[in-house]
Protein backbone atom coordinates (compact mmCIF):
# COMPACT_ATOMS: atom_id res chain seq x y z
CA MET A 1 0.00 0.00 0.00
CA ILE A 2 1.23 3.44 -0.87
CA ALA A 3 0.67 6.38 1.45
CA GLY A 4 -0.63 9.58 -0.02
CA LEU A 5 -3.03 12.46 -0.15
CA ILE A 6 -6.77 11.70 0.02
CA ILE A 7 -9.35 14.02 -1.54
CA CYS A 8 -12.70 14.11 0.28
CA ALA A 9 -15.76 15.89 -1.09
CA SER A 10 -17.43 15.25 2.27
CA LEU A 11 -15.58 14.86 5.59
CA THR A 12 -17.65 14.24 8.74
CA ALA A 13 -17.04 13.19 12.35
CA VAL A 14 -18.31 9.73 13.34
CA ASP A 15 -16.83 9.96 16.83
CA GLY A 16 -13.80 11.69 18.35
CA ASP A 17 -11.19 9.72 16.40
CA THR A 18 -13.10 8.38 13.38
CA VAL A 19 -14.16 10.32 10.31
CA ARG A 20 -16.13 9.49 7.21
CA CYS A 21 -14.61 10.61 3.90
CA ASP A 22 -17.17 10.25 1.12
CA GLY A 23 -18.72 7.31 2.97
CA GLN A 24 -15.43 5.57 3.88
CA LEU A 25 -14.64 5.24 7.59
CA MET A 26 -11.12 6.40 8.51
CA ARG A 27 -9.24 6.48 11.82
CA LEU A 28 -7.13 9.41 13.06
CA LEU A 29 -3.52 8.62 13.96
CA GLY A 30 -2.60 11.92 15.59
CA GLU A 31 0.76 11.66 13.79
CA GLY A 32 1.33 8.33 15.52
CA VAL A 33 2.92 5.27 13.97
CA PRO A 34 0.43 2.64 12.71
CA PHE A 35 0.02 -0.19 15.27
CA VAL A 36 2.61 1.44 17.59
CA SER A 37 1.16 4.78 18.73
CA GLY A 38 -1.76 7.08 18.10
CA ILE A 39 -4.73 8.70 19.79
CA ASP A 40 -7.86 7.38 21.47
CA THR A 41 -11.10 9.13 22.31
CA PRO A 42 -14.07 7.95 24.40
CA GLU A 43 -16.41 5.42 22.83
CA ILE A 44 -19.78 6.66 21.68
CA GLY A 45 -23.24 5.18 22.31
CA SER A 46 -23.53 1.52 23.30
CA HIS A 47 -19.75 1.03 23.02
CA ALA A 48 -19.23 3.31 26.06
CA LYS A 49 -18.56 1.61 29.40
CA CYS A 50 -20.39 4.26 31.44
CA MET A 51 -22.48 7.43 31.14
CA LYS A 52 -19.40 9.61 31.74
CA GLU A 53 -17.62 8.05 28.74
CA ARG A 54 -20.74 8.50 26.59
CA LYS A 55 -20.89 12.21 27.48
CA LEU A 56 -17.16 12.72 26.90
CA ALA A 57 -17.51 10.98 23.52
CA LEU A 58 -20.18 13.43 22.39
CA ILE A 59 -18.00 16.36 23.47
CA ALA A 60 -14.95 14.95 21.60
CA LYS A 61 -17.07 14.31 18.50
CA GLY A 62 -18.38 17.88 18.67
CA ARG A 63 -14.86 19.30 18.83
CA LEU A 64 -13.73 17.14 15.89
CA LYS A 65 -16.80 18.31 13.95
CA GLU A 66 -15.76 21.94 14.57
CA LEU A 67 -12.24 21.25 13.34
CA LEU A 68 -13.50 19.42 10.24
CA ALA A 69 -15.59 22.47 9.30
CA GLU A 70 -12.40 24.45 8.62
CA LYS A 71 -11.45 25.20 5.04
CA GLY A 72 -8.26 23.87 3.46
CA LEU A 73 -7.83 20.63 5.43
CA ARG A 74 -5.34 18.10 4.07
CA VAL A 75 -6.02 14.37 4.58
CA GLU A 76 -2.98 12.09 4.38
CA TRP A 77 -3.15 8.31 4.43
CA SER A 78 -0.35 6.50 6.27
CA GLY A 79 -0.55 3.54 3.90
CA ALA A 80 -1.97 1.28 6.65
CA VAL A 81 -5.48 0.16 7.63
CA ASP A 82 -6.62 -0.79 11.12
CA LYS A 83 -7.23 -4.38 12.20
CA THR A 84 -10.99 -4.04 12.67
CA ARG A 85 -13.54 -5.58 10.30
CA ALA A 86 -13.96 -2.13 8.73
CA HIS A 87 -10.25 -1.99 7.75
CA ARG A 88 -10.31 1.78 8.25
CA PRO A 89 -7.43 3.66 6.61
CA LEU A 90 -5.16 5.20 9.28
CA ILE A 91 -4.91 8.90 8.48
CA ASN A 92 -3.70 12.28 9.60
CA ILE A 93 -5.67 15.45 8.92
CA TYR A 94 -3.71 18.70 8.79
CA ARG A 95 -5.04 22.22 9.21
CA THR A 96 -3.76 25.06 7.01
CA ASN A 97 -1.14 25.87 9.70
CA ASP A 98 0.14 22.23 9.41
CA GLU A 99 -1.22 21.33 12.86
CA GLU A 100 -2.50 17.75 12.86
CA ILE A 101 -6.10 17.52 14.14
CA GLY A 102 -5.58 14.39 16.26
CA LYS A 103 -2.64 16.03 18.04
CA LYS A 104 -4.80 19.10 18.64
CA LEU A 105 -7.50 16.92 20.23
CA LEU A 106 -4.81 15.36 22.42
CA LYS A 107 -3.42 18.75 23.43
CA GLU A 108 -6.90 20.06 24.25
CA GLY A 109 -7.77 17.01 26.38
CA PHE A 110 -10.40 15.48 24.06
CA ALA A 111 -8.13 12.51 23.27
CA ARG A 112 -5.51 10.43 25.07
CA ALA A 113 -2.38 8.73 23.83
CA TRP A 114 -2.94 5.20 22.49
CA SER A 115 -0.57 2.26 22.30
CA PRO A 116 -1.12 -1.46 21.61
CA ASN A 117 -2.71 -3.52 24.38
CA GLN A 118 -3.75 -0.35 26.21
CA ARG A 119 -7.36 0.52 26.95
CA ASN A 120 -8.02 4.03 28.22
CA ASP A 121 -10.52 4.13 31.08
CA TRP A 122 -12.81 7.11 30.57
CA CYS A 123 -15.06 6.19 33.52
CA ASP A 124 -12.68 6.97 36.41
């Protein structure tokens, strides 16, 4: 697989770390390394472990939605797909100032660092 630029006519937030580009689900890396590092946001809906996680997920999704509304975003595919059934492309989305959106969510507290075999507890 070859990494590269992705053109999206429509880019929407599914949750805090998943977007839909023209119908295709994609996962934010936050400039991480596929399968080594990345970002994680609270799970939405029935995937949440508690009400607190569900509420935090809606807040994270709302912030991502705000960021995706900006003009001039650049979507870059890492060349890898995740290991879920959806095989979501692992991507980075850059703002016009070259700030990566996943890293911004991390900096603002809407996301946490992710690594393999680590599950963030959003209920504590």
